[in-house]
Amino acid sequence: MRLKRMREEMLLAKERGQLIERELVIKQLSYLVIAIRQRLLSLPLNIGNRFGDRQVPIREVVEYAKRLINETLVELSKLPDCVDPAEWKKFLEEEEE
């Protein structure tokens, strides 16, 4: 019974144009994960650039790292809404090659 209801819901969503192709979802997820990965990988470099070789209290480094991580998390939380359509199109074209 449950399976029948789920199938009917899926068919109704398909008729309404509310379904997204699995391949497109995977591409979108890949695009977002790449952006997240790049942002996270930049954190150590940003911290290093901030403090360089000078001696600083560990508390200052920790506070800066926390602030940078929080800023990154806020930025990432907005990522799906901030996707540049031109960049997304370029990504799709590269995927097809």
C-alpha atoms as a PDB file:
ATOM      1  CA  MET A   1       0.000   0.000   0.000  1.00  0.00           C
ATOM      2  CA  ARG A   2       2.784   2.414   0.935  1.00  0.00           C
ATOM      3  CA  LEU A   3       4.679   1.640  -2.259  1.00  0.00           C
ATOM      4  CA  LYS A   4       1.553   2.270  -4.337  1.00  0.00           C
ATOM      5  CA  ARG A   5       1.000   5.648  -2.637  1.00  0.00           C
ATOM      6  CA  MET A   6       4.634   6.649  -3.185  1.00  0.00           C
ATOM      7  CA  ARG A   7       4.400   5.672  -6.855  1.00  0.00           C
ATOM      8  CA  GLU A   8       1.232   7.723  -7.284  1.00  0.00           C
ATOM      9  CA  GLU A   9       2.860  10.725  -5.596  1.00  0.00           C
ATOM     10  CA  MET A  10       5.868  10.388  -7.882  1.00  0.00           C
ATOM     11  CA  LEU A  11       3.685  10.214 -11.000  1.00  0.00           C
ATOM     12  CA  LEU A  12       1.724  13.254  -9.846  1.00  0.00           C
ATOM     13  CA  ALA A  13       4.941  15.199  -9.201  1.00  0.00           C
ATOM     14  CA  LYS A  14       6.179  14.179 -12.640  1.00  0.00           C
ATOM     15  CA  GLU A  15       2.996  15.454 -14.263  1.00  0.00           C
ATOM     16  CA  ARG A  16       3.375  18.760 -12.415  1.00  0.00           C
ATOM     17  CA  GLY A  17       6.981  19.090 -13.549  1.00  0.00           C
ATOM     18  CA  GLN A  18       8.264  18.913  -9.980  1.00  0.00           C
ATOM     19  CA  LEU A  19      10.769  16.095 -10.465  1.00  0.00           C
ATOM     20  CA  ILE A  20      14.440  16.704 -11.139  1.00  0.00           C
ATOM     21  CA  GLU A  21      16.556  14.245 -13.070  1.00  0.00           C
ATOM     22  CA  ARG A  22      18.970  12.266 -10.927  1.00  0.00           C
ATOM     23  CA  GLU A  23      21.919  13.144 -13.173  1.00  0.00           C
ATOM     24  CA  LEU A  24      21.207  16.864 -12.788  1.00  0.00           C
ATOM     25  CA  VAL A  25      20.988  16.534  -9.001  1.00  0.00           C
ATOM     26  CA  ILE A  26      24.349  14.743  -8.938  1.00  0.00           C
ATOM     27  CA  LYS A  27      25.910  17.491 -11.079  1.00  0.00           C
ATOM     28  CA  GLN A  28      24.477  20.201  -8.824  1.00  0.00           C
ATOM     29  CA  LEU A  29      25.758  18.445  -5.727  1.00  0.00           C
ATOM     30  CA  SER A  30      29.191  18.029  -7.305  1.00  0.00           C
ATOM     31  CA  TYR A  31      29.282  21.729  -8.141  1.00  0.00           C
ATOM     32  CA  LEU A  32      28.401  22.710  -4.573  1.00  0.00           C
ATOM     33  CA  VAL A  33      30.830  20.231  -3.005  1.00  0.00           C
ATOM     34  CA  ILE A  34      33.662  21.588  -5.156  1.00  0.00           C
ATOM     35  CA  ALA A  35      32.878  25.131  -3.991  1.00  0.00           C
ATOM     36  CA  ILE A  36      32.753  23.995  -0.361  1.00  0.00           C
ATOM     37  CA  ARG A  37      36.019  22.076  -0.726  1.00  0.00           C
ATOM     38  CA  GLN A  38      37.796  25.082  -2.239  1.00  0.00           C
ATOM     39  CA  ARG A  39      36.552  27.367   0.512  1.00  0.00           C
ATOM     40  CA  LEU A  40      37.633  24.980   3.272  1.00  0.00           C
ATOM     41  CA  LEU A  41      41.040  24.378   1.719  1.00  0.00           C
ATOM     42  CA  SER A  42      41.645  28.129   1.676  1.00  0.00           C
ATOM     43  CA  LEU A  43      41.289  28.436   5.471  1.00  0.00           C
ATOM     44  CA  PRO A  44      44.848  27.408   6.440  1.00  0.00           C
ATOM     45  CA  LEU A  45      46.315  29.701   3.785  1.00  0.00           C
ATOM     46  CA  ASN A  46      44.257  32.632   5.064  1.00  0.00           C
ATOM     47  CA  ILE A  47      45.378  31.964   8.624  1.00  0.00           C
ATOM     48  CA  GLY A  48      49.000  31.639   7.509  1.00  0.00           C
ATOM     49  CA  ASN A  49      48.835  34.866   5.539  1.00  0.00           C
ATOM     50  CA  ARG A  50      47.353  36.668   8.514  1.00  0.00           C
ATOM     51  CA  PHE A  51      50.093  35.734  10.982  1.00  0.00           C
ATOM     52  CA  GLY A  52      53.091  34.786   8.838  1.00  0.00           C
ATOM     53  CA  ASP A  53      56.247  33.891  10.768  1.00  0.00           C
ATOM     54  CA  ARG A  54      55.723  36.259  13.672  1.00  0.00           C
ATOM     55  CA  GLN A  55      55.188  35.035  17.204  1.00  0.00           C
ATOM     56  CA  VAL A  56      51.612  35.577  18.325  1.00  0.00           C
ATOM     57  CA  PRO A  57      49.639  34.300  21.274  1.00  0.00           C
ATOM     58  CA  ILE A  58      47.778  31.093  20.450  1.00  0.00           C
ATOM     59  CA  ARG A  59      44.576  32.729  21.671  1.00  0.00           C
ATOM     60  CA  GLU A  60      44.819  35.297  18.874  1.00  0.00           C
ATOM     61  CA  VAL A  61      45.241  32.551  16.266  1.00  0.00           C
ATOM     62  CA  VAL A  62      42.343  30.555  17.718  1.00  0.00           C
ATOM     63  CA  GLU A  63      40.039  33.588  17.776  1.00  0.00           C
ATOM     64  CA  TYR A  64      40.912  34.472  14.193  1.00  0.00           C
ATOM     65  CA  ALA A  65      40.395  30.865  13.080  1.00  0.00           C
ATOM     66  CA  LYS A  66      36.991  30.734  14.812  1.00  0.00           C
ATOM     67  CA  ARG A  67      35.934  33.967  13.154  1.00  0.00           C
ATOM     68  CA  LEU A  68      37.120  32.753   9.762  1.00  0.00           C
ATOM     69  CA  ILE A  69      35.339  29.414  10.191  1.00  0.00           C
ATOM     70  CA  ASN A  70      32.105  31.131  11.224  1.00  0.00           C
ATOM     71  CA  GLU A  71      32.306  33.476   8.235  1.00  0.00           C
ATOM     72  CA  THR A  72      32.936  30.485   5.982  1.00  0.00           C
ATOM     73  CA  LEU A  73      29.965  28.581   7.404  1.00  0.00           C
ATOM     74  CA  VAL A  74      27.683  31.577   6.903  1.00  0.00           C
ATOM     75  CA  GLU A  75      28.929  31.945   3.336  1.00  0.00           C
ATOM     76  CA  LEU A  76      28.450  28.226   2.656  1.00  0.00           C
ATOM     77  CA  SER A  77      24.933  28.274   4.090  1.00  0.00           C
ATOM     78  CA  LYS A  78      24.022  30.789   1.381  1.00  0.00           C
ATOM     79  CA  LEU A  79      25.827  28.899  -1.366  1.00  0.00           C
ATOM     80  CA  PRO A  80      22.882  27.358  -3.203  1.00  0.00           C
ATOM     81  CA  ASP A  81      21.273  30.787  -3.519  1.00  0.00           C
ATOM     82  CA  CYS A  82      24.510  32.501  -4.533  1.00  0.00           C
ATOM     83  CA  VAL A  83      25.428  30.288  -7.472  1.00  0.00           C
ATOM     84  CA  ASP A  84      26.400  32.369 -10.470  1.00  0.00           C
ATOM     85  CA  PRO A  85      24.363  31.118 -13.454  1.00  0.00           C
ATOM     86  CA  ALA A  86      27.283  31.754 -15.816  1.00  0.00           C
ATOM     87  CA  GLU A  87      29.623  29.678 -13.642  1.00  0.00           C
ATOM     88  CA  TRP A  88      27.018  26.897 -13.378  1.00  0.00           C
ATOM     89  CA  LYS A  89      26.634  26.863 -17.182  1.00  0.00           C
ATOM     90  CA  LYS A  90      30.414  26.723 -17.601  1.00  0.00           C
ATOM     91  CA  PHE A  91      30.590  23.823 -15.126  1.00  0.00           C
ATOM     92  CA  LEU A  92      27.902  21.902 -17.054  1.00  0.00           C
ATOM     93  CA  GLU A  93      29.735  22.449 -20.347  1.00  0.00           C
ATOM     94  CA  GLU A  94      32.984  21.170 -18.828  1.00  0.00           C
ATOM     95  CA  GLU A  95      31.167  18.106 -17.464  1.00  0.00           C
ATOM     96  CA  GLU A  96      29.880  17.255 -20.933  1.00  0.00           C
ATOM     97  CA  GLU A  97      33.377  17.289 -22.458  1.00  0.00           C
END
